[in-house]
Protein backbone atom coordinates (compact mmCIF):
# COMPACT_ATOMS: atom_id res chain seq x y z
CA MET A 1 140.20 172.37 174.44
CA THR A 2 138.37 171.04 177.39
CA PRO A 3 139.62 167.76 179.47
CA PHE A 4 136.75 165.59 177.85
CA GLY A 5 137.59 167.02 174.40
CA ARG A 6 141.49 166.19 175.13
CA ARG A 7 140.79 162.90 176.08
CA MET A 8 138.57 162.62 173.18
CA ARG A 9 141.15 163.12 170.70
CA GLU A 10 143.80 161.34 172.52
CA LEU A 11 141.96 158.45 171.89
CA ARG A 12 140.46 158.91 168.49
CA ALA A 13 144.36 159.83 167.77
CA ALA A 14 145.35 156.74 168.89
CA ARG A 15 143.15 154.78 167.29
CA GLY A 16 143.68 156.32 163.84
CA ILE A 17 140.42 157.29 163.55
CA THR A 18 139.59 161.03 161.95
CA LEU A 19 136.89 163.05 163.27
CA GLN A 20 135.01 162.55 159.62
CA GLN A 21 135.00 159.04 160.82
CA MET A 22 133.97 159.09 164.13
CA ALA A 23 131.71 161.32 163.59
CA ALA A 24 129.80 159.42 160.79
CA ALA A 25 130.41 156.42 163.28
CA LEU A 26 128.00 158.22 165.66
CA ASP A 27 125.70 160.18 162.99
CA ILE A 28 126.46 163.51 164.16
CA SER A 29 128.28 166.51 162.22
CA PRO A 30 132.25 166.73 162.76
CA ALA A 31 131.27 169.94 163.16
CA TYR A 32 129.72 169.49 166.23
CA LEU A 33 132.46 166.86 167.20
CA SER A 34 135.21 168.84 166.14
CA ALA A 35 133.59 171.78 168.09
CA LEU A 36 133.37 169.51 171.43
CA GLU A 37 136.94 168.77 171.04
CA HIS A 38 138.22 172.45 171.02
CA GLY A 39 135.02 173.24 173.47
CA ARG A 40 133.52 175.92 171.52
CA ARG A 41 130.10 173.37 172.59
CA GLY A 42 128.65 173.29 176.20
CA ARG A 43 129.35 170.29 178.28
CA PRO A 44 128.16 166.71 176.42
CA SER A 45 125.02 164.95 178.04
CA ARG A 46 125.63 161.11 179.65
CA THR A 47 124.23 159.64 177.04
CA ARG A 48 126.72 160.97 174.22
CA VAL A 49 129.17 160.13 176.69
CA HIS A 50 128.09 156.91 176.76
CA GLN A 51 127.69 156.43 173.56
CA ILE A 52 131.39 157.60 172.29
CA CYS A 53 132.82 154.99 175.09
CA GLN A 54 130.79 152.69 173.15
CA TYR A 55 131.97 154.21 169.65
CA PHE A 56 135.98 153.55 171.39
CA ASN A 57 134.86 150.50 173.24
CA ILE A 58 135.38 151.88 176.75
CA VAL A 59 133.98 150.17 180.52
CA TRP A 60 134.84 150.29 184.13
CA ASP A 61 136.67 153.01 185.29
CA GLU A 62 137.87 154.65 182.01
CA ALA A 63 134.23 155.78 181.53
CA ASP A 64 133.70 156.57 184.63
CA GLU A 65 136.48 158.60 183.79
CA LEU A 66 135.39 159.80 180.84
CA GLN A 67 132.24 161.44 182.38
CA ARG A 68 134.21 162.73 184.62
CA LEU A 69 135.93 164.51 182.14
CA ALA A 70 132.61 165.92 181.01
CA ARG A 71 131.63 166.78 183.77
CA LEU A 72 134.51 169.28 184.33
CA SER A 73 134.90 170.01 180.62
CA HIS A 74 131.82 173.30 180.58
CA PRO A 75 134.35 175.47 178.88
CA ARG A 76 131.77 178.72 180.50
CA ILE A 77 131.00 178.60 184.37
CA THR A 78 129.23 180.66 186.71
CA VAL A 79 130.80 181.24 189.98
CA ASP A 80 127.76 182.07 192.81
CA THR A 81 129.97 183.11 196.14
CA SER A 82 127.26 184.61 197.41
CA GLY A 83 126.84 184.01 200.59
CA LEU A 84 130.99 183.11 200.95
CA ALA A 85 133.35 185.11 202.92
CA PRO A 86 134.21 187.77 200.71
CA GLU A 87 137.97 186.48 200.36
CA ALA A 88 136.33 183.57 198.34
CA THR A 89 134.35 186.70 195.66
CA GLU A 90 137.81 188.07 195.84
CA LEU A 91 139.31 184.78 194.61
CA ALA A 92 137.10 184.01 191.95
CA ASN A 93 137.13 187.19 190.24
CA GLU A 94 141.39 187.01 190.07
CA LEU A 95 140.96 184.01 188.94
CA ALA A 96 138.84 184.88 186.60
CA GLN A 97 140.21 188.33 185.30
CA ARG A 98 143.58 186.42 185.31
CA ILE A 99 142.77 183.30 184.11
CA ARG A 100 143.83 183.46 180.26
CA LYS A 101 147.72 185.21 181.43
CA LEU A 102 148.89 182.27 184.17
CA PRO A 103 151.14 179.93 182.30
CA ARG A 104 150.38 176.35 182.57
CA ALA A 105 151.54 175.02 185.36
CA LYS A 106 150.68 177.76 187.65
CA VAL A 107 147.26 176.61 186.57
CA ARG A 108 148.45 172.86 187.26
CA ALA A 109 149.86 173.95 190.46
CA LEU A 110 146.25 175.80 191.69
CA LEU A 111 144.47 172.88 190.24
CA GLU A 112 146.33 170.22 192.79
CA THR A 113 145.94 172.54 195.24
CA LEU A 114 142.40 172.50 195.30
CA LYS A 115 142.49 168.69 194.30
CA ASP A 116 143.86 168.48 198.22
């Protein structure tokens, strides 16, 4: 699941809306919406996020946050370390190899370190 998918699921659950109801209202397939929530689709377009914000009646800071989460929600990324220090390449490769086995707490700690 991606950060965007998790947030969208939280919004649906808080309002008691099913995946099928939301998909019908947005004129998209429930399969696409499910794939978006579970991270089996790439990040949504700005237009799609705007459409979702309108559906949930989200404005201002909350809409900006949803757009930010969408930008950070591409499930398959590429890290280009060409021209960087060897340590940057090592870091990228270590992370790629180990991320599936890292405990959630460690992932959160690494993320917080990167946000500093």
